[in-house]
Amino acid sequence: MNKIIYNVTVSVDPGIHEEWITWMKDIHIPDVMSTGKFLQNRILRVHGEEENGVTYAVQYTAANRGELDSYFAEHAPRLQKDHVDKYGNSAVAFRTILELLHEC
């Protein structure tokens, strides 16, 4: 089975992006990782045309699709709500699921 990457792309208001990064590193990502469903995580800055904010990709790697599905069923609604409650429309996310086919 191939690893699965849960990718959350977030457009963050420029006025709060440094605070958002700190909150993600210190609070949110540790909360997500504490579910035991992911092997690793990373935050990437997306470069390009940024009309409405600073864009980041937050990636969580799961061992397989079953682990990710379990995360969605058991933890995602609460953790996504935490993010929305804290940042509302100042940090808007959309999510994609990527299957890792090859890695060197």
C-alpha atoms as a PDB file:
ATOM      1  CA  MET A   1       0.000   0.000   0.000  1.00  0.00           C
ATOM      2  CA  ASN A   2       1.166   3.503  -0.777  1.00  0.00           C
ATOM      3  CA  LYS A   3       1.401   6.276   1.776  1.00  0.00           C
ATOM      4  CA  ILE A   4      -1.309   8.912   1.650  1.00  0.00           C
ATOM      5  CA  ILE A   5      -0.674  12.632   2.029  1.00  0.00           C
ATOM      6  CA  TYR A   6      -3.481  14.731   3.429  1.00  0.00           C
ATOM      7  CA  ASN A   7      -2.785  18.195   2.029  1.00  0.00           C
ATOM      8  CA  VAL A   8      -4.467  21.247   3.537  1.00  0.00           C
ATOM      9  CA  THR A   9      -3.891  24.423   1.520  1.00  0.00           C
ATOM     10  CA  VAL A  10      -4.621  27.537   3.551  1.00  0.00           C
ATOM     11  CA  SER A  11      -4.832  31.155   2.408  1.00  0.00           C
ATOM     12  CA  VAL A  12      -4.004  33.278   5.445  1.00  0.00           C
ATOM     13  CA  ASP A  13      -4.613  36.998   5.891  1.00  0.00           C
ATOM     14  CA  PRO A  14      -1.211  38.752   5.702  1.00  0.00           C
ATOM     15  CA  GLY A  15      -1.851  40.537   9.002  1.00  0.00           C
ATOM     16  CA  ILE A  16      -2.073  37.304  10.988  1.00  0.00           C
ATOM     17  CA  HIS A  17       0.064  34.822   9.068  1.00  0.00           C
ATOM     18  CA  GLU A  18       2.946  34.850  11.581  1.00  0.00           C
ATOM     19  CA  GLU A  19       0.547  34.252  14.485  1.00  0.00           C
ATOM     20  CA  TRP A  20      -1.171  31.527  12.453  1.00  0.00           C
ATOM     21  CA  ILE A  21       2.154  29.738  11.792  1.00  0.00           C
ATOM     22  CA  THR A  22       2.975  29.821  15.518  1.00  0.00           C
ATOM     23  CA  TRP A  23      -0.478  28.457  16.433  1.00  0.00           C
ATOM     24  CA  MET A  24      -0.180  25.718  13.814  1.00  0.00           C
ATOM     25  CA  LYS A  25       3.275  24.652  15.066  1.00  0.00           C
ATOM     26  CA  ASP A  26       2.521  24.899  18.784  1.00  0.00           C
ATOM     27  CA  ILE A  27      -1.139  23.855  19.035  1.00  0.00           C
ATOM     28  CA  HIS A  28      -2.930  22.568  15.954  1.00  0.00           C
ATOM     29  CA  ILE A  29      -0.359  20.271  14.373  1.00  0.00           C
ATOM     30  CA  PRO A  30       0.512  18.652  17.731  1.00  0.00           C
ATOM     31  CA  ASP A  31      -3.246  18.067  18.246  1.00  0.00           C
ATOM     32  CA  VAL A  32      -3.521  16.424  14.815  1.00  0.00           C
ATOM     33  CA  MET A  33      -0.410  14.309  15.376  1.00  0.00           C
ATOM     34  CA  SER A  34      -1.637  13.205  18.801  1.00  0.00           C
ATOM     35  CA  THR A  35      -4.461  11.308  17.066  1.00  0.00           C
ATOM     36  CA  GLY A  36      -1.875   8.702  16.082  1.00  0.00           C
ATOM     37  CA  LYS A  37      -3.148   8.601  12.499  1.00  0.00           C
ATOM     38  CA  PHE A  38      -0.153  10.280  10.828  1.00  0.00           C
ATOM     39  CA  LEU A  39       3.527   9.441  10.518  1.00  0.00           C
ATOM     40  CA  GLN A  40       4.839  12.945   9.851  1.00  0.00           C
ATOM     41  CA  ASN A  41       3.858  16.472   8.889  1.00  0.00           C
ATOM     42  CA  ARG A  42       5.275  19.564   7.251  1.00  0.00           C
ATOM     43  CA  ILE A  43       4.356  23.138   6.451  1.00  0.00           C
ATOM     44  CA  LEU A  44       5.266  24.570   3.062  1.00  0.00           C
ATOM     45  CA  ARG A  45       4.922  28.120   1.773  1.00  0.00           C
ATOM     46  CA  VAL A  46       3.216  28.297  -1.624  1.00  0.00           C
ATOM     47  CA  HIS A  47       4.842  30.867  -3.899  1.00  0.00           C
ATOM     48  CA  GLY A  48       3.059  32.468  -6.813  1.00  0.00           C
ATOM     49  CA  GLU A  49       0.329  34.995  -7.275  1.00  0.00           C
ATOM     50  CA  GLU A  50      -1.182  35.674  -3.883  1.00  0.00           C
ATOM     51  CA  GLU A  51      -4.116  37.992  -4.273  1.00  0.00           C
ATOM     52  CA  ASN A  52      -5.871  37.507  -0.953  1.00  0.00           C
ATOM     53  CA  GLY A  53      -3.195  36.398   1.456  1.00  0.00           C
ATOM     54  CA  VAL A  54      -0.197  34.256   2.172  1.00  0.00           C
ATOM     55  CA  THR A  55      -0.682  30.653   1.097  1.00  0.00           C
ATOM     56  CA  TYR A  56       0.614  27.570   2.871  1.00  0.00           C
ATOM     57  CA  ALA A  57       0.320  23.830   2.320  1.00  0.00           C
ATOM     58  CA  VAL A  58       0.187  21.756   5.489  1.00  0.00           C
ATOM     59  CA  GLN A  59       0.816  18.096   4.755  1.00  0.00           C
ATOM     60  CA  TYR A  60       0.225  15.093   6.963  1.00  0.00           C
ATOM     61  CA  THR A  61       1.454  11.655   5.864  1.00  0.00           C
ATOM     62  CA  ALA A  62      -0.630   8.602   6.730  1.00  0.00           C
ATOM     63  CA  ALA A  63       0.568   5.020   6.333  1.00  0.00           C
ATOM     64  CA  ASN A  64      -2.506   4.161   4.246  1.00  0.00           C
ATOM     65  CA  ARG A  65      -5.990   5.293   3.281  1.00  0.00           C
ATOM     66  CA  GLY A  66      -7.567   3.428   6.199  1.00  0.00           C
ATOM     67  CA  GLU A  67      -5.653   5.575   8.703  1.00  0.00           C
ATOM     68  CA  LEU A  68      -6.783   8.735   6.925  1.00  0.00           C
ATOM     69  CA  ASP A  69     -10.408   7.568   6.782  1.00  0.00           C
ATOM     70  CA  SER A  70     -10.230   6.815  10.493  1.00  0.00           C
ATOM     71  CA  TYR A  71      -8.894  10.336  11.121  1.00  0.00           C
ATOM     72  CA  PHE A  72     -11.771  11.824   9.113  1.00  0.00           C
ATOM     73  CA  ALA A  73     -14.356   9.798  11.048  1.00  0.00           C
ATOM     74  CA  GLU A  74     -12.952  10.219  14.542  1.00  0.00           C
ATOM     75  CA  HIS A  75     -11.057  13.522  14.686  1.00  0.00           C
ATOM     76  CA  ALA A  76     -11.316  15.818  11.651  1.00  0.00           C
ATOM     77  CA  PRO A  77     -14.622  17.563  12.453  1.00  0.00           C
ATOM     78  CA  ARG A  78     -13.419  18.692  15.895  1.00  0.00           C
ATOM     79  CA  LEU A  79      -9.977  19.783  14.718  1.00  0.00           C
ATOM     80  CA  GLN A  80     -11.335  21.613  11.672  1.00  0.00           C
ATOM     81  CA  LYS A  81     -13.833  23.382  13.934  1.00  0.00           C
ATOM     82  CA  ASP A  82     -10.974  24.503  16.209  1.00  0.00           C
ATOM     83  CA  HIS A  83      -9.302  26.119  13.198  1.00  0.00           C
ATOM     84  CA  VAL A  84     -12.482  27.826  11.992  1.00  0.00           C
ATOM     85  CA  ASP A  85     -13.376  29.024  15.500  1.00  0.00           C
ATOM     86  CA  LYS A  86      -9.914  30.563  15.923  1.00  0.00           C
ATOM     87  CA  TYR A  87      -9.416  32.128  12.475  1.00  0.00           C
ATOM     88  CA  GLY A  88     -12.745  32.145  10.612  1.00  0.00           C
ATOM     89  CA  ASN A  89     -12.386  33.711   7.164  1.00  0.00           C
ATOM     90  CA  SER A  90      -8.879  34.977   7.969  1.00  0.00           C
ATOM     91  CA  ALA A  91      -7.443  31.525   7.195  1.00  0.00           C
ATOM     92  CA  VAL A  92      -9.463  29.679   4.570  1.00  0.00           C
ATOM     93  CA  ALA A  93      -8.565  26.052   3.871  1.00  0.00           C
ATOM     94  CA  PHE A  94      -9.240  23.536   1.149  1.00  0.00           C
ATOM     95  CA  ARG A  95      -8.181  19.927   1.342  1.00  0.00           C
ATOM     96  CA  THR A  96      -6.840  17.341  -1.086  1.00  0.00           C
ATOM     97  CA  ILE A  97      -5.726  13.744  -0.737  1.00  0.00           C
ATOM     98  CA  LEU A  98      -2.551  12.681  -2.499  1.00  0.00           C
ATOM     99  CA  GLU A  99      -1.282   9.142  -3.029  1.00  0.00           C
ATOM    100  CA  LEU A 100       2.498   8.803  -2.897  1.00  0.00           C
ATOM    101  CA  LEU A 101       3.552   6.673  -5.874  1.00  0.00           C
ATOM    102  CA  HIS A 102       7.317   7.197  -5.854  1.00  0.00           C
ATOM    103  CA  GLU A 103       9.873   8.748  -3.527  1.00  0.00           C
ATOM    104  CA  CYS A 104      13.685   8.829  -3.645  1.00  0.00           C
END
